[in-house]
Amino acid sequence: MVERVQKILSQYGIASRRQAEQMILAGRVRLNGAIATLGQKADPTCDRIEVDGAWLQPRQRPPALYLLMHKPAGVVSTCQDPWARRTVLDLLPSHLATEAGLHPVGRLDADSTGALLLTNDGEVTFALTHPSHAIAKTYQVWVQGSPPEASLEQWRRGIVLAGKPTRPAEVRIVRSTRSQTLLEIVLREGRNRQIRRIAEQLGYEVTQLHRISIGPIHLDALVVGTYRLLTTAEISFLNAQSDFSRR
């Protein structure tokens, strides 16, 4: 089937579609002997596609995989880490970590825990991490102190971060202790350390951040540090997001 070269690279688990575009722009991809250009189309069954000199062959295309992981604290949501910290791929069996082309979809910072998707489907990764995407992600967040309703309403309406307002959020108090408050927060965007930055701006330090769901995909009783395959219904939801992003 004829597809854009960057889409083919993402389907083969070489990179996400966005990363594949950068590889093409950097001249790392060749199509039938010539340096590929962004937007070119090819059929891997009859065209020769090379990445860093290595020929991409049809039999190398891995089956699509979709996993949900319960990320522990202290583990980074990347495939490699320049400081040799433990990554989410280190929690997978070696055949998945090294052969299937899996990568995390978005990130949870190292101190945060909970639901994290991993896939080798670059189209799904592109759709779920694109700034225009609005999939709901639900978090349980402990903060120091007792934020008043006025502060929570501010958070719900949106807070200016780095000169740009955040999207409206759902924020409610689950329970309180003498020194801390547990909030349930639903976001529809994913800026870097967004919850921690907003809480700090409002004057409340986050002591624990745990993501419990990504859209209809729930962590439930998944043990910390383990993963499960997504259900057929969950995969259909992700593919629907990918289809929507191409409209």
C-alpha atoms as a PDB file:
ATOM      1  CA  MET A   1       0.000   0.000   0.000  1.00  0.00           C
ATOM      2  CA  VAL A   2       1.276   3.474  -0.892  1.00  0.00           C
ATOM      3  CA  GLU A   3       1.688   5.690   2.196  1.00  0.00           C
ATOM      4  CA  ARG A   4       3.687   8.750   3.161  1.00  0.00           C
ATOM      5  CA  VAL A   5       7.227   7.753   4.119  1.00  0.00           C
ATOM      6  CA  GLN A   6       6.931   9.195   7.645  1.00  0.00           C
ATOM      7  CA  LYS A   7       3.800   7.102   8.216  1.00  0.00           C
ATOM      8  CA  ILE A   8       5.585   3.956   7.035  1.00  0.00           C
ATOM      9  CA  LEU A   9       8.430   4.592   9.486  1.00  0.00           C
ATOM     10  CA  SER A  10       5.939   5.001  12.325  1.00  0.00           C
ATOM     11  CA  GLN A  11       4.112   1.807  11.309  1.00  0.00           C
ATOM     12  CA  TYR A  12       7.387  -0.107  11.448  1.00  0.00           C
ATOM     13  CA  GLY A  13       8.095   1.156  14.954  1.00  0.00           C
ATOM     14  CA  ILE A  14      11.143   3.134  13.795  1.00  0.00           C
ATOM     15  CA  ALA A  15       9.873   6.344  15.370  1.00  0.00           C
ATOM     16  CA  SER A  16       6.717   8.298  16.058  1.00  0.00           C
ATOM     17  CA  ARG A  17       5.402  10.128  13.004  1.00  0.00           C
ATOM     18  CA  ARG A  18       6.706  13.441  14.319  1.00  0.00           C
ATOM     19  CA  GLN A  19      10.155  11.939  14.955  1.00  0.00           C
ATOM     20  CA  ALA A  20      10.087  10.325  11.506  1.00  0.00           C
ATOM     21  CA  GLU A  21       9.453  13.720   9.937  1.00  0.00           C
ATOM     22  CA  GLN A  22      12.539  15.062  11.702  1.00  0.00           C
ATOM     23  CA  MET A  23      14.593  12.104  10.474  1.00  0.00           C
ATOM     24  CA  ILE A  24      13.522  12.835   6.905  1.00  0.00           C
ATOM     25  CA  LEU A  25      14.342  16.531   7.263  1.00  0.00           C
ATOM     26  CA  ALA A  26      17.766  15.564   8.634  1.00  0.00           C
ATOM     27  CA  GLY A  27      18.494  13.516   5.501  1.00  0.00           C
ATOM     28  CA  ARG A  28      18.636  10.203   7.354  1.00  0.00           C
ATOM     29  CA  VAL A  29      16.041   8.525   5.113  1.00  0.00           C
ATOM     30  CA  ARG A  30      16.542   7.436   1.488  1.00  0.00           C
ATOM     31  CA  LEU A  31      13.878   6.371  -0.988  1.00  0.00           C
ATOM     32  CA  ASN A  32      15.078   4.291  -3.939  1.00  0.00           C
ATOM     33  CA  GLY A  33      18.617   5.568  -3.485  1.00  0.00           C
ATOM     34  CA  ALA A  34      17.785   9.279  -3.221  1.00  0.00           C
ATOM     35  CA  ILE A  35      17.389  11.342  -0.047  1.00  0.00           C
ATOM     36  CA  ALA A  36      13.692  11.301   0.844  1.00  0.00           C
ATOM     37  CA  THR A  37      11.709  14.505   1.187  1.00  0.00           C
ATOM     38  CA  LEU A  38       8.814  15.259   3.504  1.00  0.00           C
ATOM     39  CA  GLY A  39       5.489  14.239   1.983  1.00  0.00           C
ATOM     40  CA  GLN A  40       6.893  11.637  -0.417  1.00  0.00           C
ATOM     41  CA  LYS A  41       4.898   8.438  -0.749  1.00  0.00           C
ATOM     42  CA  ALA A  42       6.142   4.879  -1.116  1.00  0.00           C
ATOM     43  CA  ASP A  43       5.107   1.241  -1.001  1.00  0.00           C
ATOM     44  CA  PRO A  44       7.536  -0.771   1.161  1.00  0.00           C
ATOM     45  CA  THR A  45       6.716  -3.937  -0.809  1.00  0.00           C
ATOM     46  CA  CYS A  46       8.256  -2.508  -3.994  1.00  0.00           C
ATOM     47  CA  ASP A  47      10.181   0.643  -3.003  1.00  0.00           C
ATOM     48  CA  ARG A  48      13.513   0.580  -1.189  1.00  0.00           C
ATOM     49  CA  ILE A  49      13.406   2.679   1.985  1.00  0.00           C
ATOM     50  CA  GLU A  50      16.618   3.070   3.976  1.00  0.00           C
ATOM     51  CA  VAL A  51      17.033   4.594   7.437  1.00  0.00           C
ATOM     52  CA  ASP A  52      20.608   5.449   8.387  1.00  0.00           C
ATOM     53  CA  GLY A  53      21.730   3.059   5.647  1.00  0.00           C
ATOM     54  CA  ALA A  54      19.616   0.121   6.827  1.00  0.00           C
ATOM     55  CA  TRP A  55      17.052  -1.260   4.373  1.00  0.00           C
ATOM     56  CA  LEU A  56      13.503  -1.367   5.717  1.00  0.00           C
ATOM     57  CA  GLN A  57      11.995  -4.658   4.569  1.00  0.00           C
ATOM     58  CA  PRO A  58       8.295  -5.637   4.697  1.00  0.00           C
ATOM     59  CA  ARG A  59       8.910  -8.683   6.875  1.00  0.00           C
ATOM     60  CA  GLN A  60      10.436  -6.396   9.530  1.00  0.00           C
ATOM     61  CA  ARG A  61       7.135  -4.692  10.262  1.00  0.00           C
ATOM     62  CA  PRO A  62       6.186  -5.689  13.817  1.00  0.00           C
ATOM     63  CA  PRO A  63       2.587  -6.427  14.795  1.00  0.00           C
ATOM     64  CA  ALA A  64       0.883  -3.451  16.417  1.00  0.00           C
ATOM     65  CA  LEU A  65       1.069  -3.587  20.210  1.00  0.00           C
ATOM     66  CA  TYR A  66      -0.802  -1.503  22.769  1.00  0.00           C
ATOM     67  CA  LEU A  67       0.053  -1.746  26.474  1.00  0.00           C
ATOM     68  CA  LEU A  68      -1.032  -0.041  29.673  1.00  0.00           C
ATOM     69  CA  MET A  69       1.666   0.200  32.343  1.00  0.00           C
ATOM     70  CA  HIS A  70       1.426   1.132  36.009  1.00  0.00           C
ATOM     71  CA  LYS A  71       4.505   3.341  36.179  1.00  0.00           C
ATOM     72  CA  PRO A  72       6.321   3.387  39.522  1.00  0.00           C
ATOM     73  CA  ALA A  73       7.990   6.452  41.009  1.00  0.00           C
ATOM     74  CA  GLY A  74      11.636   6.929  40.077  1.00  0.00           C
ATOM     75  CA  VAL A  75      11.244   5.535  36.555  1.00  0.00           C
ATOM     76  CA  VAL A  76      11.457   7.884  33.554  1.00  0.00           C
ATOM     77  CA  SER A  77       8.970   7.777  30.669  1.00  0.00           C
ATOM     78  CA  THR A  78      11.521   7.561  27.877  1.00  0.00           C
ATOM     79  CA  CYS A  79      13.178   4.822  25.811  1.00  0.00           C
ATOM     80  CA  GLN A  80      16.692   5.910  26.796  1.00  0.00           C
ATOM     81  CA  ASP A  81      18.066   8.178  29.490  1.00  0.00           C
ATOM     82  CA  PRO A  82      21.360  10.114  29.234  1.00  0.00           C
ATOM     83  CA  TRP A  83      21.822   9.850  33.019  1.00  0.00           C
ATOM     84  CA  ALA A  84      21.327   6.064  32.998  1.00  0.00           C
ATOM     85  CA  ARG A  85      18.165   6.227  35.069  1.00  0.00           C
ATOM     86  CA  ARG A  86      15.716   3.324  34.887  1.00  0.00           C
ATOM     87  CA  THR A  87      13.220   3.733  32.030  1.00  0.00           C
ATOM     88  CA  VAL A  88       9.772   2.265  31.440  1.00  0.00           C
ATOM     89  CA  LEU A  89      11.279  -0.072  28.819  1.00  0.00           C
ATOM     90  CA  ASP A  90      13.411  -1.605  31.571  1.00  0.00           C
ATOM     91  CA  LEU A  91      10.164  -2.878  33.124  1.00  0.00           C
ATOM     92  CA  LEU A  92       9.269  -4.887  30.000  1.00  0.00           C
ATOM     93  CA  PRO A  93      10.473  -8.331  28.905  1.00  0.00           C
ATOM     94  CA  SER A  94      13.532  -7.997  26.675  1.00  0.00           C
ATOM     95  CA  HIS A  95      11.720  -9.151  23.517  1.00  0.00           C
ATOM     96  CA  LEU A  96       9.249  -6.277  23.883  1.00  0.00           C
ATOM     97  CA  ALA A  97      11.771  -3.680  24.997  1.00  0.00           C
ATOM     98  CA  THR A  98      14.257  -4.294  22.200  1.00  0.00           C
ATOM     99  CA  GLU A  99      12.401  -5.885  19.285  1.00  0.00           C
ATOM    100  CA  ALA A 100       8.853  -4.559  19.112  1.00  0.00           C
ATOM    101  CA  GLY A 101       9.636  -0.833  18.771  1.00  0.00           C
ATOM    102  CA  LEU A 102       7.540   0.110  21.782  1.00  0.00           C
ATOM    103  CA  HIS A 103       7.680   3.655  23.121  1.00  0.00           C
ATOM    104  CA  PRO A 104       5.676   5.592  25.732  1.00  0.00           C
ATOM    105  CA  VAL A 105       2.794   7.772  24.577  1.00  0.00           C
ATOM    106  CA  GLY A 106       3.439  11.097  26.286  1.00  0.00           C
ATOM    107  CA  ARG A 107       5.073  11.229  29.671  1.00  0.00           C
ATOM    108  CA  LEU A 108       4.670  11.065  33.406  1.00  0.00           C
ATOM    109  CA  ASP A 109       7.537  12.779  35.202  1.00  0.00           C
ATOM    110  CA  ALA A 110       9.899  10.587  37.193  1.00  0.00           C
ATOM    111  CA  ASP A 111       8.248  11.347  40.551  1.00  0.00           C
ATOM    112  CA  SER A 112       4.723  10.620  39.295  1.00  0.00           C
ATOM    113  CA  THR A 113       3.001   7.242  39.132  1.00  0.00           C
ATOM    114  CA  GLY A 114       0.138   5.551  37.358  1.00  0.00           C
ATOM    115  CA  ALA A 115      -1.321   4.947  33.925  1.00  0.00           C
ATOM    116  CA  LEU A 116       1.047   5.162  30.967  1.00  0.00           C
ATOM    117  CA  LEU A 117       0.381   3.875  27.450  1.00  0.00           C
ATOM    118  CA  LEU A 118       3.082   2.227  25.350  1.00  0.00           C
ATOM    119  CA  THR A 119       2.750   1.301  21.692  1.00  0.00           C
ATOM    120  CA  ASN A 120       4.677   0.844  18.466  1.00  0.00           C
ATOM    121  CA  ASP A 121       1.851   2.478  16.510  1.00  0.00           C
ATOM    122  CA  GLY A 122       3.261   5.847  15.496  1.00  0.00           C
ATOM    123  CA  GLU A 123      -0.100   7.076  14.206  1.00  0.00           C
ATOM    124  CA  VAL A 124      -1.710   6.584  17.604  1.00  0.00           C
ATOM    125  CA  THR A 125       1.245   8.256  19.330  1.00  0.00           C
ATOM    126  CA  PHE A 126       0.998  11.233  16.987  1.00  0.00           C
ATOM    127  CA  ALA A 127      -2.754  11.587  17.557  1.00  0.00           C
ATOM    128  CA  LEU A 128      -2.616  11.363  21.347  1.00  0.00           C
ATOM    129  CA  THR A 129       0.357  13.709  21.786  1.00  0.00           C
ATOM    130  CA  HIS A 130      -0.669  16.376  19.278  1.00  0.00           C
ATOM    131  CA  PRO A 131      -1.393  19.742  20.995  1.00  0.00           C
ATOM    132  CA  SER A 132      -4.893  19.870  19.494  1.00  0.00           C
ATOM    133  CA  HIS A 133      -5.881  16.564  21.085  1.00  0.00           C
ATOM    134  CA  ALA A 134      -8.259  16.708  24.039  1.00  0.00           C
ATOM    135  CA  ILE A 135      -8.427  13.199  25.489  1.00  0.00           C
ATOM    136  CA  ALA A 136      -9.336  13.344  29.185  1.00  0.00           C
ATOM    137  CA  LYS A 137      -6.721  12.158  31.687  1.00  0.00           C
ATOM    138  CA  THR A 138      -7.695  11.711  35.329  1.00  0.00           C
ATOM    139  CA  TYR A 139      -5.278  12.194  38.230  1.00  0.00           C
ATOM    140  CA  GLN A 140      -5.349  11.808  41.991  1.00  0.00           C
ATOM    141  CA  VAL A 141      -3.144  14.508  43.477  1.00  0.00           C
ATOM    142  CA  TRP A 142      -2.135  15.148  47.074  1.00  0.00           C
ATOM    143  CA  VAL A 143      -1.222  18.767  47.855  1.00  0.00           C
ATOM    144  CA  GLN A 144       0.055  20.375  51.041  1.00  0.00           C
ATOM    145  CA  GLY A 145      -2.515  22.496  52.819  1.00  0.00           C
ATOM    146  CA  SER A 146      -6.202  23.121  52.151  1.00  0.00           C
ATOM    147  CA  PRO A 147      -6.848  25.042  48.922  1.00  0.00           C
ATOM    148  CA  PRO A 148     -10.029  27.142  49.183  1.00  0.00           C
ATOM    149  CA  GLU A 149     -12.839  26.953  46.646  1.00  0.00           C
ATOM    150  CA  ALA A 150     -11.670  30.229  45.065  1.00  0.00           C
ATOM    151  CA  SER A 151      -8.286  28.680  44.185  1.00  0.00           C
ATOM    152  CA  LEU A 152      -9.919  25.528  42.810  1.00  0.00           C
ATOM    153  CA  GLU A 153     -12.276  27.629  40.694  1.00  0.00           C
ATOM    154  CA  GLN A 154      -9.266  29.483  39.305  1.00  0.00           C
ATOM    155  CA  TRP A 155      -7.749  26.147  38.356  1.00  0.00           C
ATOM    156  CA  ARG A 156     -11.005  25.026  36.725  1.00  0.00           C
ATOM    157  CA  ARG A 157     -11.213  28.148  34.558  1.00  0.00           C
ATOM    158  CA  GLY A 158      -7.571  28.010  33.482  1.00  0.00           C
ATOM    159  CA  ILE A 159      -4.221  29.353  34.664  1.00  0.00           C
ATOM    160  CA  VAL A 160      -1.674  31.229  32.563  1.00  0.00           C
ATOM    161  CA  LEU A 161       1.536  29.185  32.230  1.00  0.00           C
ATOM    162  CA  ALA A 162       4.455  30.550  30.209  1.00  0.00           C
ATOM    163  CA  GLY A 163       2.198  33.232  28.770  1.00  0.00           C
ATOM    164  CA  LYS A 164      -0.550  30.852  27.583  1.00  0.00           C
ATOM    165  CA  PRO A 165      -3.745  29.935  29.470  1.00  0.00           C
ATOM    166  CA  THR A 166      -4.425  26.289  30.220  1.00  0.00           C
ATOM    167  CA  ARG A 167      -7.617  24.646  29.061  1.00  0.00           C
ATOM    168  CA  PRO A 168     -10.475  24.397  31.565  1.00  0.00           C
ATOM    169  CA  ALA A 169     -10.057  21.482  33.974  1.00  0.00           C
ATOM    170  CA  GLU A 170     -12.246  19.491  36.324  1.00  0.00           C
ATOM    171  CA  VAL A 171     -11.022  19.771  39.918  1.00  0.00           C
ATOM    172  CA  ARG A 172     -12.722  18.417  43.030  1.00  0.00           C
ATOM    173  CA  ILE A 173     -11.733  17.623  46.594  1.00  0.00           C
ATOM    174  CA  VAL A 174     -11.816  13.901  47.378  1.00  0.00           C
ATOM    175  CA  ARG A 175     -10.777  14.141  51.032  1.00  0.00           C
ATOM    176  CA  SER A 176      -8.635  16.167  53.415  1.00  0.00           C
ATOM    177  CA  THR A 177      -6.369  15.522  56.383  1.00  0.00           C
ATOM    178  CA  ARG A 178      -5.042  18.038  58.875  1.00  0.00           C
ATOM    179  CA  SER A 179      -2.129  18.925  56.592  1.00  0.00           C
ATOM    180  CA  GLN A 180      -2.974  17.720  53.074  1.00  0.00           C
ATOM    181  CA  THR A 181      -5.785  17.575  50.522  1.00  0.00           C
ATOM    182  CA  LEU A 182      -6.473  14.882  47.921  1.00  0.00           C
ATOM    183  CA  LEU A 183      -7.764  16.311  44.640  1.00  0.00           C
ATOM    184  CA  GLU A 184      -9.168  14.554  41.608  1.00  0.00           C
ATOM    185  CA  ILE A 185      -8.160  16.469  38.486  1.00  0.00           C
ATOM    186  CA  VAL A 186      -9.241  15.841  34.896  1.00  0.00           C
ATOM    187  CA  LEU A 187      -7.096  17.485  32.208  1.00  0.00           C
ATOM    188  CA  ARG A 188      -7.575  17.629  28.462  1.00  0.00           C
ATOM    189  CA  GLU A 189      -4.072  18.730  27.582  1.00  0.00           C
ATOM    190  CA  GLY A 190      -0.585  17.647  28.580  1.00  0.00           C
ATOM    191  CA  ARG A 191       1.902  20.453  29.137  1.00  0.00           C
ATOM    192  CA  ASN A 192       5.177  19.676  30.871  1.00  0.00           C
ATOM    193  CA  ARG A 193       4.624  19.156  34.629  1.00  0.00           C
ATOM    194  CA  GLN A 194       1.355  21.045  34.251  1.00  0.00           C
ATOM    195  CA  ILE A 195      -0.355  19.990  37.495  1.00  0.00           C
ATOM    196  CA  ARG A 196       2.729  20.586  39.618  1.00  0.00           C
ATOM    197  CA  ARG A 197       3.297  24.018  38.065  1.00  0.00           C
ATOM    198  CA  ILE A 198      -0.304  25.146  38.523  1.00  0.00           C
ATOM    199  CA  ALA A 199      -0.437  23.921  42.119  1.00  0.00           C
ATOM    200  CA  GLU A 200       2.823  25.728  42.889  1.00  0.00           C
ATOM    201  CA  GLN A 201       1.533  28.902  41.256  1.00  0.00           C
ATOM    202  CA  LEU A 202      -1.546  28.747  43.478  1.00  0.00           C
ATOM    203  CA  GLY A 203       0.661  28.183  46.532  1.00  0.00           C
ATOM    204  CA  TYR A 204       0.166  24.437  47.139  1.00  0.00           C
ATOM    205  CA  GLU A 205       3.016  21.951  46.776  1.00  0.00           C
ATOM    206  CA  VAL A 206       2.206  18.588  45.182  1.00  0.00           C
ATOM    207  CA  THR A 207       3.402  15.724  47.360  1.00  0.00           C
ATOM    208  CA  GLN A 208       2.041  12.864  45.250  1.00  0.00           C
ATOM    209  CA  LEU A 209       0.690  12.661  41.692  1.00  0.00           C
ATOM    210  CA  HIS A 210      -0.983   9.518  40.362  1.00  0.00           C
ATOM    211  CA  ARG A 211      -2.742   9.096  36.990  1.00  0.00           C
ATOM    212  CA  ILE A 212      -5.658   6.669  37.158  1.00  0.00           C
ATOM    213  CA  SER A 213      -7.041   6.787  33.610  1.00  0.00           C
ATOM    214  CA  ILE A 214      -6.489   7.920  30.035  1.00  0.00           C
ATOM    215  CA  GLY A 215      -9.881   8.333  28.397  1.00  0.00           C
ATOM    216  CA  PRO A 216     -11.773   5.044  28.998  1.00  0.00           C
ATOM    217  CA  ILE A 217      -8.533   3.157  29.734  1.00  0.00           C
ATOM    218  CA  HIS A 218      -8.371   2.653  33.502  1.00  0.00           C
ATOM    219  CA  LEU A 219      -5.541   1.499  35.728  1.00  0.00           C
ATOM    220  CA  ASP A 220      -7.888  -0.318  38.134  1.00  0.00           C
ATOM    221  CA  ALA A 221      -6.005  -3.039  40.052  1.00  0.00           C
ATOM    222  CA  LEU A 222      -2.935  -3.260  37.797  1.00  0.00           C
ATOM    223  CA  VAL A 223       0.078  -3.886  40.049  1.00  0.00           C
ATOM    224  CA  VAL A 224       2.769  -1.205  40.252  1.00  0.00           C
ATOM    225  CA  GLY A 225       5.577  -1.871  37.765  1.00  0.00           C
ATOM    226  CA  THR A 226       3.544  -4.271  35.627  1.00  0.00           C
ATOM    227  CA  TYR A 227       1.628  -3.919  32.360  1.00  0.00           C
ATOM    228  CA  ARG A 228      -1.279  -5.440  30.494  1.00  0.00           C
ATOM    229  CA  LEU A 229      -2.394  -5.625  26.871  1.00  0.00           C
ATOM    230  CA  LEU A 230      -5.226  -3.292  25.968  1.00  0.00           C
ATOM    231  CA  THR A 231      -8.636  -4.779  25.261  1.00  0.00           C
ATOM    232  CA  THR A 232     -10.193  -4.736  21.794  1.00  0.00           C
ATOM    233  CA  ALA A 233     -12.524  -1.927  22.867  1.00  0.00           C
ATOM    234  CA  GLU A 234      -9.613   0.153  24.213  1.00  0.00           C
ATOM    235  CA  ILE A 235      -7.624  -0.328  20.996  1.00  0.00           C
ATOM    236  CA  SER A 236     -10.683   0.708  18.971  1.00  0.00           C
ATOM    237  CA  PHE A 237     -10.863   3.895  21.029  1.00  0.00           C
ATOM    238  CA  LEU A 238      -7.202   4.702  20.273  1.00  0.00           C
ATOM    239  CA  ASN A 239      -7.646   3.999  16.573  1.00  0.00           C
ATOM    240  CA  ALA A 240     -10.675   6.292  16.539  1.00  0.00           C
ATOM    241  CA  GLN A 241      -8.511   9.092  17.962  1.00  0.00           C
ATOM    242  CA  SER A 242      -5.967   8.442  15.213  1.00  0.00           C
ATOM    243  CA  ASP A 243      -8.668   8.535  12.525  1.00  0.00           C
ATOM    244  CA  PHE A 244     -10.038  11.806  13.934  1.00  0.00           C
ATOM    245  CA  SER A 245      -6.596  13.472  13.855  1.00  0.00           C
ATOM    246  CA  ARG A 246      -6.298  12.758  10.107  1.00  0.00           C
ATOM    247  CA  ARG A 247      -9.559  14.520   9.194  1.00  0.00           C
END
